[in-house]
């Protein structure tokens, strides 16, 4: 086959360091479009970007040419620098070291988009830790609580 074809949708979740609520509404208004553009810069397409004050959700169609860890290292690094330059009051901002990434079938893309759009409502009832644990359990990912939260 002369051509490489793929369709890798991923639901990616990462939080601020210590889950500190740095991402206020004015920050989110500028950060989410920035993250979408940063994905494009990595030959990937952000289908949906959202979150709340202490974490971000990305639904991304990952480029076939990139490893996930490389992609997220670039996205998190560039966005951290950008946040500090655009919002000087965030000079101490940092993302948590890790992330969660979960595969999404094309038939579930719209469901995940709705889920990401409804983060504010969702987190009125459930903490980030509860949400993340539920994803790890749903996707049968073994984890040790001592190393999930930094």
Protein backbone atom coordinates (compact mmCIF):
# COMPACT_ATOMS: atom_id res chain seq x y z
CA UNK A 1 0.00 0.00 0.00
CA UNK A 2 1.66 3.26 -1.07
CA UNK A 3 -0.20 5.44 1.42
CA UNK A 4 -0.40 5.43 5.23
CA UNK A 5 -3.89 6.14 6.51
CA UNK A 6 -5.12 6.45 10.07
CA UNK A 7 -7.84 7.97 12.19
CA UNK A 8 -6.75 8.22 15.81
CA UNK A 9 -9.20 10.10 18.00
CA UNK A 10 -8.04 10.60 21.57
CA UNK A 11 -9.70 12.12 24.61
CA UNK A 12 -6.83 13.71 26.52
CA UNK A 13 -7.09 15.06 30.06
CA UNK A 14 -4.42 16.95 31.96
CA UNK A 15 -4.55 19.18 35.00
CA UNK A 16 -2.80 22.15 36.45
CA UNK A 17 -0.04 21.31 38.92
CA UNK A 18 -1.65 20.44 42.24
CA UNK A 19 -4.99 21.03 40.53
CA UNK A 20 -4.69 24.71 41.38
CA UNK A 21 -7.60 26.68 39.79
CA UNK A 22 -5.46 28.88 37.50
CA UNK A 23 -7.82 28.59 34.53
CA UNK A 24 -10.40 31.27 35.24
CA UNK A 25 -13.06 32.11 32.66
CA UNK A 26 -10.97 34.89 31.03
CA UNK A 27 -7.99 32.52 30.80
CA UNK A 28 -10.13 29.71 29.36
CA UNK A 29 -11.54 32.05 26.68
CA UNK A 30 -8.03 32.57 25.31
CA UNK A 31 -6.43 29.24 26.21
CA UNK A 32 -8.85 26.92 24.42
CA UNK A 33 -8.43 28.55 20.98
CA UNK A 34 -4.68 28.64 21.60
CA UNK A 35 -4.64 24.90 22.34
CA UNK A 36 -6.64 24.20 19.17
CA UNK A 37 -4.14 26.21 17.11
CA UNK A 38 -1.22 24.46 18.83
CA UNK A 39 -2.72 21.10 17.82
CA UNK A 40 -2.81 22.29 14.20
CA UNK A 41 0.85 23.20 14.53
CA UNK A 42 1.45 19.54 15.39
CA UNK A 43 -0.41 18.28 12.29
CA UNK A 44 -3.33 17.26 14.49
CA UNK A 45 -6.88 18.55 14.75
CA UNK A 46 -8.54 19.60 17.97
CA UNK A 47 -12.14 18.49 17.59
CA UNK A 48 -13.16 19.93 20.98
CA UNK A 49 -11.32 21.76 23.76
CA UNK A 50 -12.77 22.52 27.17
CA UNK A 51 -12.45 22.04 30.86
CA UNK A 52 -12.72 23.90 34.14
CA UNK A 53 -10.42 25.92 36.38
CA UNK A 54 -8.07 23.06 37.24
CA UNK A 55 -7.92 20.86 34.15
CA UNK A 56 -8.35 20.62 30.38
CA UNK A 57 -9.99 18.09 28.07
CA UNK A 58 -8.92 17.77 24.44
CA UNK A 59 -10.63 15.63 21.85
CA UNK A 60 -7.97 15.43 19.19
CA UNK A 61 -7.45 13.62 15.94
CA UNK A 62 -3.77 12.81 16.36
CA UNK A 63 -1.44 12.94 13.37
CA UNK A 64 -0.22 9.58 12.16
CA UNK A 65 3.28 11.07 12.22
CA UNK A 66 3.43 11.80 15.95
CA UNK A 67 3.88 9.85 19.13
CA UNK A 68 1.35 10.85 21.79
CA UNK A 69 4.03 11.70 24.39
CA UNK A 70 5.82 13.98 21.90
CA UNK A 71 2.58 15.68 20.90
CA UNK A 72 1.51 16.35 24.50
CA UNK A 73 4.97 17.41 25.62
CA UNK A 74 4.94 20.07 22.92
CA UNK A 75 1.33 21.16 23.56
CA UNK A 76 1.78 21.43 27.32
CA UNK A 77 5.19 23.12 27.09
CA UNK A 78 4.15 25.70 24.50
CA UNK A 79 0.86 26.49 26.24
CA UNK A 80 2.57 26.93 29.61
CA UNK A 81 5.02 29.45 28.13
CA UNK A 82 2.20 31.19 26.28
CA UNK A 83 0.01 31.46 29.40
CA UNK A 84 2.84 33.05 31.38
CA UNK A 85 3.54 35.58 28.62
CA UNK A 86 -0.09 36.57 28.02
CA UNK A 87 -1.15 36.48 31.69
CA UNK A 88 1.81 37.76 33.77
CA UNK A 89 -0.13 36.99 36.96
CA UNK A 90 0.28 33.29 36.04
CA UNK A 91 4.08 33.47 36.33
CA UNK A 92 4.04 30.42 38.65
CA UNK A 93 1.71 28.39 36.40
CA UNK A 94 2.54 24.76 35.58
CA UNK A 95 0.74 21.74 34.18
CA UNK A 96 0.76 18.46 36.10
CA UNK A 97 3.53 16.20 34.83
CA UNK A 98 1.29 13.44 33.51
CA UNK A 99 -1.89 13.07 31.52
CA UNK A 100 -4.61 10.62 30.63
CA UNK A 101 -5.28 9.68 27.01
CA UNK A 102 -8.16 7.47 26.00
CA UNK A 103 -9.00 6.18 22.53
CA UNK A 104 -12.33 7.20 21.05
CA UNK A 105 -14.05 5.45 18.17
CA UNK A 106 -15.37 7.64 15.38
CA UNK A 107 -18.92 6.64 16.34
CA UNK A 108 -18.44 8.21 19.81
CA UNK A 109 -16.83 11.52 18.80
CA UNK A 110 -20.07 13.51 19.22
CA UNK A 111 -20.67 12.03 22.69
CA UNK A 112 -17.19 13.04 23.80
CA UNK A 113 -17.68 16.52 22.34
CA UNK A 114 -20.86 16.93 24.40
CA UNK A 115 -19.08 15.62 27.48
CA UNK A 116 -16.29 18.19 27.08
CA UNK A 117 -18.74 21.05 26.42
CA UNK A 118 -20.59 20.22 29.65
CA UNK A 119 -17.58 20.21 31.96
CA UNK A 120 -18.80 23.09 34.18
CA UNK A 121 -22.09 21.30 34.85
CA UNK A 122 -20.40 17.94 35.25
CA UNK A 123 -17.99 19.24 37.88
CA UNK A 124 -20.74 20.64 40.05
CA UNK A 125 -21.28 17.01 41.08
CA UNK A 126 -17.91 15.32 40.64
CA UNK A 127 -14.32 16.33 41.44
CA UNK A 128 -11.46 16.03 38.98
CA UNK A 129 -10.07 13.09 40.94
CA UNK A 130 -13.42 11.25 40.84
CA UNK A 131 -13.75 11.93 37.11
CA UNK A 132 -10.22 10.77 36.32
CA UNK A 133 -10.53 7.61 38.43
CA UNK A 134 -13.77 6.80 36.56
CA UNK A 135 -11.95 7.10 33.21
CA UNK A 136 -9.12 4.87 34.40
CA UNK A 137 -11.62 2.28 35.60
CA UNK A 138 -13.78 2.49 32.45
CA UNK A 139 -10.74 1.94 30.23
CA UNK A 140 -9.33 -0.83 32.48
CA UNK A 141 -6.10 1.04 33.20
CA UNK A 142 -4.22 -0.22 36.24
CA UNK A 143 -2.96 2.64 38.41
CA UNK A 144 -1.45 3.34 41.78
CA UNK A 145 -3.01 6.33 43.57
CA UNK A 146 0.40 7.30 44.98
CA UNK A 147 1.63 8.19 41.48
CA UNK A 148 -1.48 9.63 39.83
CA UNK A 149 -1.69 12.90 41.76
CA UNK A 150 1.27 15.24 42.01
